[in-house]
């Protein structure tokens, strides 16, 4: 598909850019820099990035129905008021694991905030194994733990009929599916729907398009891949000019643009000189598909 165009729209050199989310109200892209401890907002109109510094690694950001945002910060779910630059803790998890932090998170179609934890990395993708868990923050601000023994809790999304929950534990090199009960938020019947090829490297963030196909960013693979969750087949590969692609979402006026975050942590001078856009935010146009708008947290 020769019509696919990739451009770096914000080259701020994120250490670990993650969790891109389109904020329709602001016509802007939200994302975080985990180790840079910043929540960022890029405006296509001004081409500027605004950011808010926080006091711990911040790993995901989501819209909130009542306005502003919710974030995962260290091992806390927290509320973020943008104008006031004010962060308030909602609740904390993994209190018995001081070396843990949250990683990727996303809101389900009923307004629940799903997010998982992992041990802090010694270096990229090197960490104490099986220390993480997957959690849900409900709209009444209660928390449920679904399972533990997770390595790097990562990409999540829901099928268009809301009956399947898709999830990635990165070091399993697999995209998994669960049966999903939208009424209760319960998950079950875990199975693998796609195992990554060697050159695709590590599965990271993920999103779904309006045709029900999954897009997975491949960390150290320098690409996003499009998968059919029904057949387990890879349908398309889009290569980017950076190796450490971390996550993806659809955005823009009609959700036809894809935004991809990337990282620069763990790259030496020589590597960075070959990939000067590492840690940048990329916009992909011409994919011929659209995405599903993000759901806001209902609490």
Foldseek 3Di string as FASTA:
>chain_A
DVQKDKDFLFQPFQQFKDAWAQDPVQRWIWIFRFVQQWIWIAHPVVSDIDIAHDDAGWAYWFFAPVGAIWTFGFQFTWGADPVVRDIDTLDGPPPVQNQKGKHDWAAAQLQKIKTKMAGDAPAVPHGDFFAMWIWIQALVRDMDTQDTRAHHWAAWYAFPVRQKIWTDRFVVQFIKIWGADPVVRHTHDIDTLEHDDVLLATWHYWFAFPVRWIWTRRAQNQWIWIADSVNSDTDDIDGHLARGWHYWAFHDDQSQKMKIAFRDTPPDPVNCVSRVSGRTIMIIHDPPTGGDHGDHRHD
